[in-house]
Amino acid sequence: MYTKNKSLTVTLTVLFSFYSFILVSQEEVESFDKEPPRKNLQFTQAKFEKNAHQLPLHTEGEYSHYIPKRLKEHADVQPLKDGFINVTKPPYNAKGDGITDDTEAIQKALDDSYLCRMIVYLPSGTYLVSDQLRCFRGWNDMWNYTAPGRNTSDYDFGRLSGYQIMGSSSGKRSVIKLKDHSRVKENLLLTFKQYGMSLKLMHCCLYSALVRNIDFDMGNNPDVSAIYLPGAQFCTIEDVNIWGENFYAGIKSPPGCGGCTTNLKITGGTYGIVQTAFRPDPLVTGVTLIGQKKCAVLLKHCRGPFVLNGFKIVSEDKPADDYKAIWINTDNTKYGNTSLALEDGSIEVKGEKGSAIETDGPDVVMKNVYFKSSKILSDTSQTYLNPHCRF
């Protein structure tokens, strides 16, 4: 009896494992816009990686025709062997003077660097932008079924080829400055996305993205968030400062599941961090959140706990009466427990009516956390499906 059903058992196990792997939230399976992003690069990148993942890049040879023409023509100032593209050099020529619009220059550098597995480097300066900077990966960028000598379970290429952008680590900081009242696509400035089969969003397969040593001046753009990076393994936001006169959030959906955010400071904004992606255990460490209007951290949805380690949260001098430093607001509609884990930090809520933490049911765990607030924890859970918070 066992022998007869063995193949069925194996088949069901494989199917269960596969569908468990691709499980994503409703947000992540929404269709993309009518114009497919990076359609021209998805398939050329897979072809390029046929054997080139083991070879150095050169401007001549078997794979040279996959290198963008504009980059090959300026190999004297942008040598591929260096591993990075300098946006201020030809053919991109970003000015970094805070006056000239550098959106197009940075976007071209991002596209070319990704295709060639390089890093975009922003030297010290202020780079004025007026629209979304897109870091979009396609399904064939992740799975390369046709590569010789590689089986269908081998997806290391996807992990090696994420978009990566870095600023200067010495001297003056590298700043991306959003022009006031910009019409930014999706209200997301620096945006990382992974498209899966049928061109549906599948951010659980978004690997190896990096934002490091870059500051963001969000100006007066009340609906725009600075960084959207809901990725997984090896995705990192590191050494980043975000501020502005009026903006929505510093980070929307930071990476989890083997990714992390570290050394982050956000000053101002309606929210500091907004977590909406179904990603396991997002980790944010070494973070300072100051002067947000509604709350410093808004948790709508995640898989497992949102982990905040080594943190400092301070409200505005005169916060709104309904201000919450941390707000777990799942609306009892999302799967995943969206719990909260806090360690080694402090929360200061000025005024008499705000709360340090408000939850509509998910659990809160804390260790070595200091409060200066008239109200530490509010539990607003009211339904049988979402029982009272365990604290």
Protein backbone atom coordinates (compact mmCIF):
# COMPACT_ATOMS: atom_id res chain seq x y z
CA MET A 1 0.00 0.00 0.00
CA TYR A 2 2.81 2.36 0.85
CA THR A 3 4.66 1.50 -2.36
CA LYS A 4 1.58 2.09 -4.52
CA ASN A 5 1.01 5.61 -3.19
CA LYS A 6 4.63 6.61 -2.88
CA SER A 7 4.73 8.64 -6.13
CA LEU A 8 1.51 10.42 -5.18
CA THR A 9 2.96 11.28 -1.79
CA VAL A 10 6.13 12.65 -3.33
CA THR A 11 4.14 14.67 -5.87
CA LEU A 12 1.93 16.22 -3.21
CA THR A 13 4.97 17.01 -1.09
CA VAL A 14 6.70 18.78 -3.98
CA LEU A 15 3.56 20.73 -4.85
CA PHE A 16 3.06 21.76 -1.25
CA SER A 17 6.68 22.87 -0.97
CA PHE A 18 6.48 24.86 -4.19
CA TYR A 19 3.28 26.68 -3.31
CA SER A 20 4.54 27.35 0.19
CA PHE A 21 7.60 28.96 -1.36
CA ILE A 22 5.66 31.29 -3.65
CA LEU A 23 3.12 32.31 -1.03
CA VAL A 24 2.82 36.06 -1.13
CA SER A 25 0.42 38.69 0.10
CA GLN A 26 -2.41 40.24 -1.83
CA GLU A 27 -0.35 43.38 -2.26
CA GLU A 28 2.44 41.42 -3.90
CA VAL A 29 0.31 39.70 -6.54
CA GLU A 30 -1.17 42.89 -7.93
CA SER A 31 -0.51 43.36 -11.62
CA PHE A 32 2.12 45.84 -12.64
CA ASP A 33 1.39 48.83 -14.84
CA LYS A 34 0.41 48.43 -18.47
CA GLU A 35 3.97 49.09 -19.61
CA PRO A 36 6.09 46.07 -18.56
CA PRO A 37 9.20 47.28 -16.71
CA ARG A 38 12.63 46.32 -18.04
CA LYS A 39 11.06 43.99 -20.61
CA ASN A 40 14.02 44.55 -22.89
CA LEU A 41 16.49 43.41 -20.21
CA GLN A 42 14.82 40.39 -18.62
CA PHE A 43 15.74 37.89 -21.29
CA THR A 44 19.07 39.30 -22.47
CA GLN A 45 20.32 39.05 -18.90
CA ALA A 46 19.44 35.36 -18.74
CA LYS A 47 21.28 34.75 -22.02
CA PHE A 48 24.24 36.76 -20.83
CA GLU A 49 24.46 34.64 -17.70
CA LYS A 50 24.57 31.43 -19.71
CA ASN A 51 28.26 31.04 -18.94
CA ALA A 52 29.36 34.52 -17.98
CA HIS A 53 28.61 34.02 -14.29
CA GLN A 54 32.02 32.35 -14.09
CA LEU A 55 33.87 34.81 -16.34
CA PRO A 56 35.25 38.33 -15.89
CA LEU A 57 33.56 41.04 -17.94
CA HIS A 58 35.44 42.56 -20.87
CA THR A 59 34.52 44.99 -23.62
CA GLU A 60 35.54 42.38 -26.20
CA GLY A 61 34.81 38.70 -26.50
CA GLU A 62 31.90 36.26 -26.56
CA TYR A 63 29.64 38.19 -24.17
CA SER A 64 30.64 41.75 -24.99
CA HIS A 65 27.51 42.31 -27.10
CA TYR A 66 25.41 42.14 -23.92
CA ILE A 67 27.22 45.13 -22.46
CA PRO A 68 25.33 48.37 -23.22
CA LYS A 69 26.87 50.19 -26.17
CA ARG A 70 27.15 53.47 -24.30
CA LEU A 71 29.12 51.79 -21.53
CA LYS A 72 31.47 50.01 -23.93
CA GLU A 73 32.18 53.26 -25.71
CA HIS A 74 33.41 54.82 -22.46
CA ALA A 75 35.38 51.87 -21.09
CA ASP A 76 38.39 54.16 -20.66
CA VAL A 77 36.61 56.09 -17.88
CA GLN A 78 34.21 53.33 -16.75
CA PRO A 79 36.38 50.16 -16.69
CA LEU A 80 34.13 47.16 -16.12
CA LYS A 81 36.83 45.39 -14.15
CA ASP A 82 36.47 48.02 -11.40
CA GLY A 83 33.01 46.67 -10.62
CA PHE A 84 31.22 50.01 -10.34
CA ILE A 85 29.77 52.79 -12.46
CA ASN A 86 30.48 56.40 -11.51
CA VAL A 87 27.34 58.38 -12.35
CA THR A 88 29.27 61.63 -12.74
CA LYS A 89 31.43 60.29 -15.58
CA PRO A 90 30.46 59.65 -19.22
CA PRO A 91 28.15 58.43 -20.57
CA TYR A 92 25.89 59.39 -17.62
CA ASN A 93 27.33 62.76 -16.60
CA ALA A 94 25.24 63.38 -13.49
CA LYS A 95 26.09 66.81 -12.08
CA GLY A 96 25.45 66.30 -8.37
CA ASP A 97 25.13 70.07 -7.93
CA GLY A 98 21.63 70.09 -6.40
CA ILE A 99 20.36 72.16 -9.34
CA THR A 100 20.53 69.98 -12.44
CA ASP A 101 17.96 67.19 -12.69
CA ASP A 102 19.97 63.94 -12.51
CA THR A 103 17.03 61.52 -12.66
CA GLU A 104 17.75 60.23 -16.16
CA ALA A 105 21.48 59.90 -15.57
CA ILE A 106 21.03 57.84 -12.40
CA GLN A 107 18.34 55.65 -14.00
CA LYS A 108 20.57 54.82 -16.98
CA ALA A 109 23.41 53.96 -14.64
CA LEU A 110 21.12 51.68 -12.62
CA ASP A 111 19.96 49.86 -15.76
CA ASP A 112 23.48 49.37 -17.12
CA SER A 113 25.05 48.40 -13.81
CA TYR A 114 22.43 45.72 -13.20
CA LEU A 115 22.91 44.20 -16.64
CA CYS A 116 26.67 44.05 -16.07
CA ARG A 117 26.52 43.04 -12.41
CA MET A 118 28.10 46.28 -11.19
CA ILE A 119 27.45 48.84 -8.45
CA VAL A 120 26.20 52.38 -9.06
CA TYR A 121 28.45 54.83 -7.24
CA LEU A 122 27.37 58.37 -6.34
CA PRO A 123 30.39 60.51 -5.36
CA SER A 124 29.91 63.24 -2.77
CA GLY A 125 27.30 65.73 -3.91
CA THR A 126 23.58 66.46 -4.06
CA TYR A 127 21.71 64.73 -6.87
CA LEU A 128 18.41 66.40 -7.70
CA VAL A 129 15.72 64.00 -8.95
CA SER A 130 12.08 64.45 -9.90
CA ASP A 131 10.71 60.95 -10.47
CA GLN A 132 10.97 57.33 -9.40
CA LEU A 133 14.30 55.53 -9.62
CA ARG A 134 13.42 51.99 -10.72
CA CYS A 135 15.29 48.84 -9.75
CA PHE A 136 13.03 46.20 -11.31
CA ARG A 137 14.02 42.56 -11.83
CA GLY A 138 12.24 40.10 -14.11
CA TRP A 139 11.49 36.40 -13.66
CA ASN A 140 14.25 35.30 -16.04
CA ASP A 141 16.71 37.41 -14.08
CA MET A 142 16.02 35.01 -11.23
CA TRP A 143 15.55 31.58 -12.82
CA ASN A 144 17.84 30.52 -15.64
CA TYR A 145 16.48 27.16 -16.76
CA THR A 146 18.48 27.01 -19.99
CA ALA A 147 21.95 27.56 -18.58
CA PRO A 148 24.14 24.51 -19.33
CA GLY A 149 25.38 22.60 -16.34
CA ARG A 150 22.82 24.16 -14.00
CA ASN A 151 19.60 22.57 -12.78
CA THR A 152 16.22 24.22 -12.22
CA SER A 153 16.72 24.48 -8.45
CA ASP A 154 19.88 26.56 -8.85
CA TYR A 155 18.97 30.20 -8.30
CA ASP A 156 22.28 31.56 -7.06
CA PHE A 157 22.48 33.87 -10.07
CA GLY A 158 19.53 35.85 -8.75
CA ARG A 159 21.32 36.34 -5.46
CA LEU A 160 24.48 37.56 -7.17
CA SER A 161 22.84 40.09 -9.42
CA GLY A 162 20.77 42.54 -7.40
CA TYR A 163 20.64 46.29 -7.96
CA GLN A 164 23.19 48.00 -5.75
CA ILE A 165 23.70 51.74 -5.23
CA MET A 166 26.27 53.33 -2.93
CA GLY A 167 27.42 56.80 -1.94
CA SER A 168 30.72 58.13 -0.72
CA SER A 169 32.04 56.70 2.55
CA SER A 170 34.38 59.64 3.22
CA GLY A 171 34.08 63.42 3.08
CA LYS A 172 30.72 64.98 2.31
CA ARG A 173 27.71 62.70 2.07
CA SER A 174 26.03 61.67 -1.16
CA VAL A 175 22.47 63.05 -1.15
CA ILE A 176 19.54 62.23 -3.40
CA LYS A 177 17.28 65.27 -3.23
CA LEU A 178 13.69 65.04 -4.42
CA LYS A 179 12.47 68.21 -6.09
CA ASP A 180 9.53 69.81 -4.29
CA HIS A 181 6.07 68.83 -5.54
CA SER A 182 7.40 66.10 -7.84
CA ARG A 183 4.98 63.68 -9.48
CA VAL A 184 6.71 60.46 -8.49
CA LYS A 185 5.38 57.22 -9.94
CA GLU A 186 3.58 55.15 -7.25
CA ASN A 187 4.76 57.75 -4.71
CA LEU A 188 7.88 55.61 -4.20
CA LEU A 189 11.26 57.19 -4.90
CA LEU A 190 14.00 54.51 -4.88
CA THR A 191 11.96 51.41 -5.71
CA PHE A 192 13.02 47.76 -5.84
CA LYS A 193 10.68 45.13 -7.31
CA GLN A 194 10.83 41.48 -8.34
CA TYR A 195 8.41 40.25 -11.00
CA GLY A 196 7.57 36.56 -11.09
CA MET A 197 5.72 34.26 -13.44
CA SER A 198 3.00 35.98 -15.48
CA LEU A 199 4.75 39.21 -14.50
CA LYS A 200 3.20 39.31 -11.04
CA LEU A 201 5.04 40.86 -8.13
CA MET A 202 7.03 38.27 -6.19
CA HIS A 203 9.27 40.09 -3.77
CA CYS A 204 10.11 36.94 -1.81
CA CYS A 205 12.59 36.30 -4.64
CA LEU A 206 14.12 39.77 -4.54
CA TYR A 207 17.73 39.18 -3.48
CA SER A 208 21.00 41.10 -3.06
CA ALA A 209 19.68 44.66 -3.35
CA LEU A 210 21.81 47.25 -1.58
CA VAL A 211 21.48 50.90 -0.56
CA ARG A 212 24.51 52.19 1.36
CA ASN A 213 25.99 55.54 2.38
CA ILE A 214 23.26 57.61 0.75
CA ASP A 215 21.10 60.32 2.31
CA PHE A 216 17.66 61.35 1.07
CA ASP A 217 16.30 64.89 1.22
CA MET A 218 12.60 64.38 0.52
CA GLY A 219 11.72 68.09 0.41
CA ASN A 220 8.03 68.96 0.25
CA ASN A 221 6.43 65.81 -1.19
CA PRO A 222 3.77 64.74 1.33
CA ASP A 223 2.73 61.49 -0.39
CA VAL A 224 6.15 60.12 -1.35
CA SER A 225 8.27 57.52 0.51
CA ALA A 226 12.05 57.47 0.12
CA ILE A 227 12.88 53.74 -0.18
CA TYR A 228 10.74 50.74 -1.06
CA LEU A 229 12.77 47.52 -0.65
CA PRO A 230 10.56 44.58 0.40
CA GLY A 231 13.25 42.02 -0.44
CA ALA A 232 14.69 38.94 1.19
CA GLN A 233 18.14 37.33 1.38
CA PHE A 234 21.13 39.66 1.22
CA CYS A 235 19.02 42.81 0.78
CA THR A 236 20.46 45.64 2.84
CA ILE A 237 19.75 49.27 3.67
CA GLU A 238 22.82 50.58 5.49
CA ASP A 239 24.15 53.94 6.70
CA VAL A 240 21.21 55.99 5.43
CA ASN A 241 19.74 59.31 6.64
CA ILE A 242 16.32 60.51 5.51
CA TRP A 243 14.73 63.89 6.19
CA GLY A 244 12.47 66.43 4.56
CA GLU A 245 9.97 69.23 5.04
CA ASN A 246 6.98 66.99 4.35
CA PHE A 247 7.01 63.37 3.13
CA TYR A 248 5.05 60.17 3.72
CA ALA A 249 7.59 57.62 5.01
CA GLY A 250 11.32 57.12 5.13
CA ILE A 251 11.18 53.40 4.36
CA LYS A 252 8.19 51.47 3.12
CA SER A 253 8.54 47.70 3.68
CA PRO A 254 12.18 47.14 4.66
CA PRO A 255 13.77 43.76 3.80
CA GLY A 256 13.32 40.63 5.90
CA CYS A 257 13.98 36.89 5.56
CA GLY A 258 17.77 37.20 5.68
CA GLY A 259 17.93 40.90 4.79
CA CYS A 260 18.31 43.80 7.20
CA THR A 261 18.31 47.56 7.74
CA THR A 262 21.10 49.01 9.85
CA ASN A 263 22.41 52.44 10.88
CA LEU A 264 19.35 54.38 9.85
CA LYS A 265 18.13 57.84 10.88
CA ILE A 266 14.79 59.29 9.79
CA THR A 267 13.80 62.80 10.80
CA GLY A 268 10.27 64.01 10.12
CA GLY A 269 7.70 62.52 7.77
CA THR A 270 4.20 61.28 8.48
CA TYR A 271 5.69 57.88 9.29
CA GLY A 272 9.25 56.73 9.80
CA ILE A 273 8.92 53.08 8.73
CA VAL A 274 5.81 51.48 7.23
CA GLN A 275 5.78 47.67 7.10
CA THR A 276 3.24 46.21 4.66
CA ALA A 277 4.99 43.31 2.87
CA PHE A 278 4.50 39.65 3.78
CA ARG A 279 8.18 39.09 4.58
CA PRO A 280 9.48 36.94 7.45
CA ASP A 281 11.06 38.73 10.39
CA PRO A 282 12.12 42.17 9.10
CA LEU A 283 15.13 43.33 11.12
CA VAL A 284 15.95 47.00 11.73
CA THR A 285 18.93 47.70 13.95
CA GLY A 286 20.74 50.88 14.98
CA VAL A 287 17.84 53.15 14.10
CA THR A 288 16.83 56.67 15.20
CA LEU A 289 13.31 57.92 14.42
CA ILE A 290 12.59 61.53 15.35
CA GLY A 291 9.62 63.85 14.92
CA GLN A 292 7.17 61.79 12.85
CA LYS A 293 3.63 63.19 12.68
CA LYS A 294 1.49 60.05 13.15
CA CYS A 295 3.90 57.34 14.27
CA ALA A 296 7.49 56.27 13.98
CA VAL A 297 6.76 52.65 13.01
CA LEU A 298 3.50 51.46 11.43
CA LEU A 299 3.08 47.69 11.18
CA LYS A 300 0.32 46.59 8.84
CA HIS A 301 1.50 43.18 7.77
CA CYS A 302 4.49 40.86 8.03
CA ARG A 303 5.22 37.19 8.49
CA GLY A 304 6.52 36.68 11.99
CA PRO A 305 7.81 39.44 14.25
CA PHE A 306 9.06 42.83 13.17
CA VAL A 307 12.37 43.16 15.06
CA LEU A 308 13.64 46.54 16.25
CA ASN A 309 17.05 46.42 17.91
CA GLY A 310 19.20 49.27 19.20
CA PHE A 311 16.67 52.02 18.60
CA LYS A 312 15.69 55.51 19.69
CA ILE A 313 12.24 56.98 19.03
CA VAL A 314 11.32 60.55 19.95
CA SER A 315 8.03 62.25 19.08
CA GLU A 316 7.54 65.84 18.00
CA ASP A 317 7.65 68.41 20.79
CA LYS A 318 3.87 68.75 20.57
CA PRO A 319 2.58 65.50 19.05
CA ALA A 320 -1.01 64.97 17.98
CA ASP A 321 -3.32 63.49 20.61
CA ASP A 322 -3.55 60.22 18.60
CA TYR A 323 0.20 59.89 18.06
CA LYS A 324 1.70 56.42 18.56
CA ALA A 325 5.42 55.77 18.53
CA ILE A 326 4.74 52.22 17.30
CA TRP A 327 1.36 51.27 15.87
CA ILE A 328 0.41 47.67 15.07
CA ASN A 329 -2.64 48.21 12.92
CA THR A 330 -3.47 44.96 11.07
CA ASP A 331 -7.24 45.57 10.88
CA ASN A 332 -7.73 41.87 11.66
CA THR A 333 -7.67 41.11 7.94
CA LYS A 334 -4.13 39.94 7.12
CA TYR A 335 -2.58 36.54 7.64
CA GLY A 336 0.78 36.40 9.44
CA ASN A 337 1.04 37.38 13.06
CA THR A 338 2.72 40.80 12.58
CA SER A 339 4.05 40.67 16.13
CA LEU A 340 6.68 43.03 17.51
CA ALA A 341 10.05 42.34 19.16
CA LEU A 342 11.90 45.23 20.80
CA GLU A 343 15.39 45.08 22.33
CA ASP A 344 17.83 47.69 23.65
CA GLY A 345 16.06 50.92 22.91
CA SER A 346 14.06 53.89 24.16
CA ILE A 347 10.74 55.54 23.32
CA GLU A 348 9.91 59.10 24.32
CA VAL A 349 6.43 60.46 23.66
CA LYS A 350 6.06 64.09 24.65
CA GLY A 351 2.71 65.48 25.70
CA GLU A 352 -0.05 63.83 27.72
CA LYS A 353 -2.22 61.85 25.30
CA GLY A 354 0.02 59.94 22.92
CA SER A 355 0.97 56.25 23.28
CA ALA A 356 4.31 54.52 23.08
CA ILE A 357 2.82 51.32 21.59
CA GLU A 358 -0.67 50.53 20.31
CA THR A 359 -1.65 47.08 19.04
CA ASP A 360 -4.87 45.61 17.71
CA GLY A 361 -3.96 42.14 18.93
CA PRO A 362 -0.51 40.91 17.79
CA ASP A 363 1.97 40.16 20.55
CA VAL A 364 4.65 42.50 21.86
CA VAL A 365 7.93 41.23 23.33
CA MET A 366 10.49 43.57 24.89
CA LYS A 367 13.88 43.40 26.52
CA ASN A 368 15.82 46.34 27.94
CA VAL A 369 13.48 49.03 26.61
CA TYR A 370 13.05 52.39 28.34
CA PHE A 371 9.92 54.55 28.12
CA LYS A 372 9.10 58.17 28.76
CA SER A 373 5.42 58.35 27.92
CA SER A 374 2.09 58.90 29.62
CA LYS A 375 0.83 55.63 28.12
CA ILE A 376 3.07 52.67 27.37
CA LEU A 377 0.81 50.05 25.79
CA SER A 378 -2.72 50.22 24.40
CA ASP A 379 -4.50 47.05 23.25
CA THR A 380 -7.40 47.80 20.92
CA SER A 381 -8.18 44.19 19.88
CA GLN A 382 -11.90 43.43 20.11
CA THR A 383 -12.62 40.33 18.03
CA TYR A 384 -12.53 36.60 18.67
CA LEU A 385 -10.33 36.11 15.60
CA ASN A 386 -7.73 38.48 16.97
CA PRO A 387 -7.55 37.88 20.73
CA HIS A 388 -5.96 40.29 23.17
CA CYS A 389 -2.30 40.98 22.88
CA ARG A 390 0.21 39.02 24.94
CA PHE A 391 2.71 41.40 26.44
